[in-house]
Protein backbone atom coordinates (compact mmCIF):
# COMPACT_ATOMS: atom_id res chain seq x y z
CA MET A 1 -0.16 0.10 -0.22
CA PHE A 2 2.94 2.41 0.78
CA LEU A 3 4.07 1.46 -2.67
CA VAL A 4 0.99 2.16 -4.37
CA THR A 5 0.65 5.57 -2.60
CA LEU A 6 4.37 6.46 -3.51
CA VAL A 7 3.64 5.53 -7.19
CA ALA A 8 0.39 7.92 -7.33
CA ALA A 9 2.09 10.59 -5.41
CA GLN A 10 5.19 10.63 -7.72
CA ASN A 11 2.55 10.37 -10.53
CA GLY A 12 1.11 13.55 -9.47
CA ALA A 13 4.31 15.38 -8.80
CA THR A 14 5.01 14.73 -12.66
CA TYR A 15 1.45 15.88 -13.59
CA ALA A 16 1.82 19.14 -11.36
CA GLY A 17 5.48 19.71 -13.28
CA GLY A 18 7.40 18.12 -10.60
CA SER A 19 5.92 20.13 -7.69
CA ALA A 20 6.11 17.77 -4.49
CA PHE A 21 3.84 20.27 -2.62
CA SER A 22 0.88 20.35 -5.48
CA THR A 23 -2.73 19.02 -5.11
CA PRO A 24 -2.15 15.85 -6.75
CA VAL A 25 0.31 14.92 -4.31
CA GLY A 26 -1.60 15.71 -1.32
CA VAL A 27 -4.59 14.13 -2.77
CA ALA A 28 -3.04 10.48 -3.39
CA VAL A 29 -1.28 11.07 0.03
CA LEU A 30 -4.92 11.27 1.48
CA CYS A 31 -6.44 8.56 -0.76
CA GLY A 32 -3.62 6.32 0.75
CA ALA A 33 -4.13 7.13 4.26
CA ALA A 34 -7.68 6.70 3.88
CA LEU A 35 -7.13 3.04 2.37
CA LEU A 36 -4.94 2.06 5.12
CA ALA A 37 -7.24 3.68 8.07
CA ARG A 38 -8.93 0.57 9.14
CA ARG A 39 -11.31 2.52 11.37
CA ALA A 40 -12.28 4.74 8.91
CA HIS A 41 -15.94 4.21 7.03
CA TRP A 42 -15.50 1.65 4.11
CA LEU A 43 -16.77 3.90 1.44
CA THR A 44 -14.56 6.58 2.23
CA ALA A 45 -11.42 5.87 0.33
CA PRO A 46 -13.21 4.75 -2.62
CA VAL A 47 -15.26 7.59 -3.10
CA LEU A 48 -11.60 9.82 -2.70
CA ALA A 49 -9.73 7.23 -5.24
CA THR A 50 -12.43 7.62 -7.55
CA ALA A 51 -12.83 11.66 -7.36
CA ALA A 52 -8.70 11.63 -8.00
CA THR A 53 -9.12 9.57 -10.63
CA VAL A 54 -11.80 11.82 -12.18
CA LEU A 55 -9.90 14.61 -12.20
CA TRP A 56 -6.31 13.45 -12.50
CA GLY A 57 -7.00 10.19 -14.70
CA TRP A 58 -4.34 7.35 -15.01
CA THR A 59 -2.17 9.26 -12.24
CA MET A 60 -4.51 8.06 -9.75
CA LEU A 61 -5.41 4.80 -11.25
CA PRO A 62 -3.77 2.64 -8.82
CA LEU A 63 -5.30 3.92 -5.81
CA LEU A 64 -8.55 3.38 -7.63
CA LEU A 65 -7.60 -0.08 -8.44
CA VAL A 66 -6.71 -1.09 -4.73
CA ALA A 67 -10.11 0.56 -3.57
CA LEU A 68 -11.67 -1.75 -6.01
CA PHE A 69 -9.80 -4.55 -4.82
CA ASP A 70 -10.65 -3.92 -1.33
CA LEU A 71 -14.40 -3.46 -2.25
CA ALA A 72 -14.70 -6.91 -4.19
CA ALA A 73 -12.64 -8.87 -1.54
CA HIS A 74 -14.97 -7.62 1.07
CA ARG A 75 -18.55 -8.46 -0.97
CA ARG A 76 -19.07 -5.27 -1.95
CA THR A 77 -19.07 -6.14 -5.59
CA GLY A 78 -22.18 -3.23 -6.63
CA ALA A 79 -19.95 -0.50 -4.89
CA ALA A 80 -16.95 -1.76 -6.79
CA VAL A 81 -18.74 -1.72 -10.02
CA ALA A 82 -20.25 1.77 -9.34
CA CYS A 83 -17.26 3.63 -8.45
CA ALA A 84 -15.38 2.27 -11.94
CA ALA A 85 -18.42 3.25 -13.80
CA ALA A 86 -18.13 6.64 -12.31
CA ALA A 87 -14.64 7.03 -12.76
CA LEU A 88 -14.90 5.80 -16.41
CA ALA A 89 -17.87 8.14 -16.74
CA GLY A 90 -16.59 11.02 -14.72
CA ASN A 91 -13.22 11.06 -16.70
CA ALA A 92 -15.08 10.89 -20.00
CA LEU A 93 -16.99 14.38 -18.93
CA VAL A 94 -13.87 15.86 -17.45
CA GLU A 95 -11.43 15.01 -20.04
CA PRO A 96 -8.07 15.50 -17.73
CA ASP A 97 -5.12 15.81 -19.57
CA VAL A 98 -3.91 11.98 -18.50
CA GLY A 99 -7.72 10.82 -18.75
CA LEU A 100 -8.75 6.72 -18.92
CA TRP A 101 -9.63 6.62 -21.93
CA LEU A 102 -6.12 7.95 -23.35
CA PRO A 103 -3.88 6.68 -25.18
CA GLN A 104 -6.18 3.63 -25.38
CA GLN A 105 -9.81 3.68 -24.99
CA TYR A 106 -10.26 -0.04 -23.59
CA GLY A 107 -7.29 -0.07 -21.26
CA SER A 108 -8.21 1.47 -18.17
CA PRO A 109 -11.65 -0.74 -18.20
CA LEU A 110 -9.60 -3.84 -18.56
CA PHE A 111 -7.46 -2.86 -15.30
CA LEU A 112 -10.67 -1.75 -13.53
CA LEU A 113 -12.37 -5.16 -14.33
CA LEU A 114 -9.22 -7.34 -13.54
CA ALA A 115 -9.17 -5.16 -9.95
CA VAL A 116 -12.55 -6.73 -9.72
CA MET A 117 -12.41 -10.01 -10.15
CA ALA A 118 -9.02 -10.54 -8.31
CA GLY A 119 -10.72 -8.68 -5.40
CA LEU A 120 -13.45 -11.37 -5.87
CA TRP A 121 -11.38 -14.37 -6.15
CA MET A 122 -9.15 -13.07 -3.31
CA GLY A 123 -12.09 -12.86 -1.18
CA ASN A 124 -13.87 -15.95 -1.93
CA ARG A 125 -10.65 -17.72 -1.21
CA ARG A 126 -10.16 -16.29 2.50
CA ARG A 127 -13.78 -17.26 3.30
CA LEU A 128 -12.78 -20.44 2.04
CA VAL A 129 -10.08 -20.82 3.95
CA ALA A 130 -11.53 -19.91 7.13
CA ALA A 131 -14.44 -22.22 6.44
CA LEU A 132 -12.23 -24.94 6.28
CA SER A 133 -10.39 -23.49 9.54
CA GLU A 134 -14.04 -23.57 11.28
CA GLN A 135 -14.49 -27.08 9.92
CA VAL A 136 -10.95 -28.60 11.05
CA GLU A 137 -12.04 -26.82 14.62
CA HIS A 138 -15.17 -28.61 14.79
CA LEU A 139 -13.69 -32.30 13.65
CA ARG A 140 -10.88 -31.50 16.80
CA VAL A 141 -13.64 -30.49 19.45
CA GLU A 142 -15.62 -33.30 17.45
CA ARG A 143 -12.62 -35.87 18.17
CA GLU A 144 -11.88 -34.85 21.62
CA LEU A 145 -15.57 -35.81 22.51
CA ARG A 146 -15.57 -39.06 20.55
CA GLU A 147 -12.35 -39.60 22.78
CA ARG A 148 -13.67 -38.79 26.13
CA ALA A 149 -16.47 -40.71 25.34
CA ALA A 150 -14.46 -43.81 24.18
CA ARG A 151 -12.43 -43.29 27.64
CA ALA A 152 -15.92 -43.24 29.63
CA ALA A 153 -17.21 -46.65 27.77
CA GLU A 154 -13.83 -48.33 28.55
CA ARG A 155 -13.79 -47.16 32.06
CA SER A 156 -17.45 -48.41 32.77
CA ALA A 157 -16.24 -51.77 31.14
CA ILE A 158 -13.46 -52.03 33.63
CA ALA A 159 -15.71 -51.25 36.07
CA ALA A 160 -17.93 -53.85 34.98
CA GLU A 161 -15.29 -56.26 34.80
CA MET A 162 -13.58 -55.57 38.29
CA HIS A 163 -16.77 -55.96 39.83
CA ASP A 164 -17.68 -59.24 38.25
CA VAL A 165 -13.82 -60.84 38.93
CA LEU A 166 -13.22 -59.62 42.27
CA ALA A 167 -16.31 -58.30 43.91
CA HIS A 168 -17.93 -61.71 43.94
CA ARG A 169 -14.75 -63.37 45.52
CA LEU A 170 -14.23 -60.68 48.05
CA SER A 171 -17.63 -61.30 49.22
CA LEU A 172 -17.12 -64.93 49.50
CA ILE A 173 -13.87 -64.77 51.67
CA ALA A 174 -15.72 -62.40 53.71
CA LEU A 175 -18.54 -65.16 54.07
CA HIS A 176 -16.66 -67.95 54.72
CA THR A 177 -14.29 -66.33 57.32
CA GLY A 178 -17.66 -65.07 59.02
CA VAL A 179 -18.83 -68.32 59.27
CA LEU A 180 -15.56 -69.79 60.56
CA SER A 181 -15.36 -67.17 62.81
CA THR A 182 -18.56 -67.79 64.34
CA ARG A 183 -16.77 -71.65 65.92
CA GLU A 184 -13.91 -69.67 67.35
CA LYS A 185 -14.16 -71.61 70.33
CA ALA A 186 -13.29 -74.98 68.23
CA LEU A 187 -10.11 -73.32 66.52
CA PRO A 188 -6.85 -72.41 68.18
CA ALA A 189 -6.62 -68.67 69.18
CA PRO A 190 -3.90 -67.93 66.51
CA VAL A 191 -6.18 -69.58 63.72
CA ALA A 192 -9.39 -67.36 65.14
CA GLU A 193 -7.09 -64.00 65.00
CA ARG A 194 -6.09 -64.82 61.59
CA LEU A 195 -9.49 -65.30 60.61
CA ALA A 196 -10.55 -62.17 62.00
CA LEU A 197 -8.01 -60.39 60.18
CA LEU A 198 -8.56 -62.13 57.03
CA ARG A 199 -12.55 -61.31 57.52
CA ALA A 200 -11.83 -57.53 58.02
CA ALA A 201 -9.14 -57.34 55.67
CA SER A 202 -11.75 -58.39 52.90
CA THR A 203 -14.24 -56.19 53.81
CA GLU A 204 -12.14 -53.53 53.86
CA ALA A 205 -11.24 -54.36 50.33
CA LEU A 206 -14.80 -54.72 49.21
CA ALA A 207 -14.78 -51.04 50.57
CA ASP A 208 -11.98 -50.24 48.57
CA LEU A 209 -13.20 -51.86 45.35
CA ARG A 210 -16.46 -49.83 45.54
CA ASP A 211 -14.61 -46.43 45.71
CA VAL A 212 -12.44 -47.50 42.92
CA LEU A 213 -15.31 -48.60 40.91
CA GLY A 214 -17.08 -45.21 41.85
CA ALA A 215 -14.29 -43.24 40.67
CA LEU A 216 -14.32 -45.40 37.39
CA ARG A 217 -17.59 -44.66 36.70
CA CYS A 218 -17.56 -41.10 37.55
CA GLY A 219 -18.97 -38.79 34.85
CA SER A 220 -21.25 -40.87 33.50
CA GLU A 221 -25.12 -40.06 33.86
CA ALA A 222 -25.66 -42.89 36.51
CA HIS A 223 -22.68 -41.57 38.53
CA PRO A 224 -22.30 -37.66 38.13
CA ALA A 225 -19.65 -37.46 40.84
CA ALA A 226 -16.76 -39.55 42.47
CA PRO A 227 -17.82 -40.74 46.03
CA GLU A 228 -15.83 -38.96 48.99
CA PRO A 229 -12.75 -40.74 49.69
CA VAL A 230 -12.38 -42.63 53.34
CA LEU A 231 -9.27 -40.90 54.88
CA ARG A 232 -7.60 -43.92 56.90
CA ASP A 233 -4.52 -43.40 59.24
CA VAL A 234 -1.35 -45.10 58.25
CA ARG A 235 -1.41 -46.84 62.11
CA GLU A 236 -4.06 -48.90 60.89
CA LEU A 237 -1.90 -50.03 58.37
CA ALA A 238 1.06 -50.76 60.86
CA GLU A 239 -1.54 -52.75 62.99
CA GLN A 240 -2.81 -54.76 60.07
CA ALA A 241 1.00 -55.34 59.08
CA ARG A 242 1.92 -56.24 62.72
CA ALA A 243 -1.02 -58.92 63.42
CA ALA A 244 -0.27 -60.20 59.93
CA GLY A 245 3.43 -61.04 61.80
CA GLN A 246 5.17 -58.13 59.84
CA ARG A 247 7.60 -56.19 62.43
CA VAL A 248 7.08 -52.80 61.41
CA ALA A 249 8.56 -49.80 63.28
CA LEU A 250 6.28 -46.42 62.78
CA THR A 251 7.11 -42.98 63.31
CA VAL A 252 4.41 -40.13 63.02
CA GLU A 253 5.28 -36.36 62.99
CA GLY A 254 3.31 -33.53 62.48
CA ARG A 255 -0.38 -33.13 62.68
CA PRO A 256 -2.13 -34.98 59.63
CA ASP A 257 -5.16 -32.50 59.94
CA GLY A 258 -2.46 -29.59 58.86
CA ALA A 259 -1.86 -31.48 55.49
CA PRO A 260 -4.28 -31.08 53.02
CA THR A 261 -6.75 -34.56 52.36
CA ALA A 262 -5.11 -35.37 48.87
CA HIS A 263 -1.59 -35.52 50.95
CA ARG A 264 -3.27 -37.72 53.72
CA LEU A 265 -4.57 -39.91 51.05
CA ALA A 266 -1.46 -40.51 49.03
CA VAL A 267 0.08 -41.40 52.26
CA PHE A 268 -1.94 -43.81 52.97
CA ARG A 269 -1.51 -45.12 49.71
CA LEU A 270 2.27 -44.79 50.14
CA VAL A 271 2.72 -46.97 53.05
CA GLN A 272 0.42 -49.40 51.86
CA GLU A 273 1.94 -50.26 48.64
CA ALA A 274 5.55 -50.29 50.36
CA LEU A 275 4.19 -53.14 53.06
CA THR A 276 2.89 -55.03 50.72
CA ASN A 277 5.86 -54.92 48.53
CA ALA A 278 8.13 -55.65 51.69
CA ARG A 279 5.75 -58.58 52.31
CA LYS A 280 6.11 -60.00 48.97
CA HIS A 281 9.80 -59.21 48.24
CA ALA A 282 11.50 -59.62 51.68
CA ALA A 283 9.47 -61.40 53.91
CA GLY A 284 10.07 -61.06 57.77
CA ALA A 285 12.38 -58.46 57.06
CA PRO A 286 11.83 -55.68 59.46
CA VAL A 287 10.08 -52.16 57.94
CA ALA A 288 10.94 -48.93 59.09
CA VAL A 289 8.54 -46.01 58.23
CA ARG A 290 8.40 -42.46 58.79
CA VAL A 291 5.89 -40.05 57.95
CA ASP A 292 6.10 -36.32 58.68
CA TYR A 293 2.84 -34.18 57.75
CA GLY A 294 5.00 -30.84 57.71
CA PRO A 295 4.61 -28.39 56.80
CA PRO A 296 6.16 -27.07 54.21
CA GLU A 297 6.23 -30.58 52.91
CA THR A 298 4.44 -34.13 53.52
CA PHE A 299 7.43 -36.54 53.73
CA VAL A 300 7.05 -40.28 53.87
CA GLU A 301 10.06 -42.59 54.14
CA VAL A 302 9.97 -46.49 54.28
CA THR A 303 13.06 -48.69 54.48
CA ASN A 304 13.39 -52.55 54.74
CA ASP A 305 16.09 -54.55 55.23
CA PRO A 306 16.62 -57.37 52.68
CA GLY A 307 14.97 -60.72 53.36
CA ASP A 308 17.11 -64.36 54.36
CA PRO A 309 18.54 -64.48 51.70
CA ALA A 310 18.71 -61.04 50.17
CA PRO A 311 16.54 -60.95 46.77
CA PRO A 312 17.88 -59.12 43.92
CA PRO A 313 16.52 -55.71 43.18
CA VAL A 314 12.74 -55.93 41.59
CA PRO A 315 11.74 -53.36 39.54
CA SER A 316 8.61 -51.25 40.51
CA GLY A 317 5.49 -53.00 39.25
CA TYR A 318 2.20 -51.01 38.21
CA GLY A 319 1.50 -50.05 41.98
CA MET A 320 4.71 -47.93 41.96
CA VAL A 321 3.87 -46.58 38.59
CA GLY A 322 0.27 -45.56 39.68
CA LEU A 323 1.73 -44.00 43.15
CA ARG A 324 4.59 -41.83 41.07
CA GLU A 325 1.42 -40.15 38.83
CA ARG A 326 -0.29 -39.44 42.07
CA VAL A 327 2.70 -37.85 43.76
CA THR A 328 3.53 -36.12 40.44
CA ALA A 329 0.20 -34.77 40.05
CA LEU A 330 0.19 -33.22 43.52
CA GLY A 331 3.41 -31.74 42.33
CA GLY A 332 5.83 -33.75 44.46
CA HIS A 333 8.49 -36.25 43.86
CA LEU A 334 8.84 -39.94 44.53
CA SER A 335 11.86 -42.20 44.65
CA ALA A 336 12.37 -46.13 45.27
CA GLY A 337 15.43 -48.19 44.78
CA PRO A 338 18.01 -49.82 46.73
CA GLY A 339 19.07 -47.75 49.51
CA GLY A 340 22.27 -49.52 50.24
CA ALA A 341 23.42 -53.09 51.78
CA GLY A 342 20.35 -54.60 49.80
CA ALA A 343 17.67 -52.92 51.67
CA TRP A 344 15.14 -50.95 49.95
CA ARG A 345 13.88 -47.32 50.24
CA LEU A 346 10.92 -45.24 49.36
CA VAL A 347 10.83 -41.66 49.72
CA ALA A 348 8.38 -39.35 48.93
CA ARG A 349 8.01 -35.65 48.83
CA ILE A 350 4.68 -33.69 48.53
CA PRO A 351 4.93 -30.03 49.05
CA HIS A 352 2.02 -28.24 50.66
CA PRO A 353 0.17 -25.30 48.24
CA THR A 354 0.93 -22.08 48.76
CA PRO A 355 -2.01 -19.64 50.29
CA SER A 356 -2.52 -18.07 46.70
CA GLU A 357 -3.22 -21.69 45.33
CA GLN A 358 -5.25 -22.74 47.96
CA ASN A 359 -7.50 -19.44 47.73
CA GLY A 360 -7.56 -20.07 43.74
CA SER A 361 -8.58 -23.55 44.14
CA ARG A 362 -11.80 -22.46 45.95
CA PRO A 363 -14.99 -22.60 43.75
């Protein structure tokens, strides 16, 4: 646009005998400014360019061509044709020295027609690109919705499979242990204690399973929201592990109420998974559990000595992967691996949210 204005101003100066401060030069600059000013009325620049072309002919034609192109590109074809016709008719009446009908009668109408046609083509192309972009955006949104629906359906299927496979068997275990516990007088004391522990564990497993199934089905019409999590104390885990014959030394520092609820749930799952792994891979080995609810962070450390004989390092399973994702989601860090002398050490650090983050998380 600057180049077109410069050409028109140079033509006007040539028309005025080389003077850079002549009326044609000023009009050319004014028309160029009107074409560049997007806040002005859309008819201002075409009218000025048409009037300038009527008065000075070929010298102002570049500005008129740009104005016609812009009108046609914005679907104002009628206005573009009217301006072109007015310029040609006015030139024929005014008859300037460099009129549009000189030196060839059909040269300027051809240029005006090409400007209108090019504007129509460019406008259609822009609208086509915009329509295609909008269609791509709609397809992207539709794909995301389909992915969400597929994930929801898969989670519902997983929940149904877990219910069919696990709930029935856990219910049978709880039922049979309950029947046997009614005959505890005829059973040895250690056997009765183990039956009571088994029954309590199976009942808690059913409760945990219901929580997991509710979380998996969360978002469906039948289950619009996840159930409220059940907060449990790590001391219960330690007592259950000791009742099962595991040697557990538990140290709890800080107040659990001072830590966020998500941190307390994560601590429970971390200790639960660590004690389970210790029973599986280092049976009979003592386990040291240290929990510090902070602030400024929630700290969990579980260390177990090697069993007899010491097993080789065991890679983390799916439980550890899930725990790492949980801790990472809370902004923390989890490390698990050999701690020296064949021992295994799990350490998790979860920073407490700042006051600004707590205020921002409120609904």
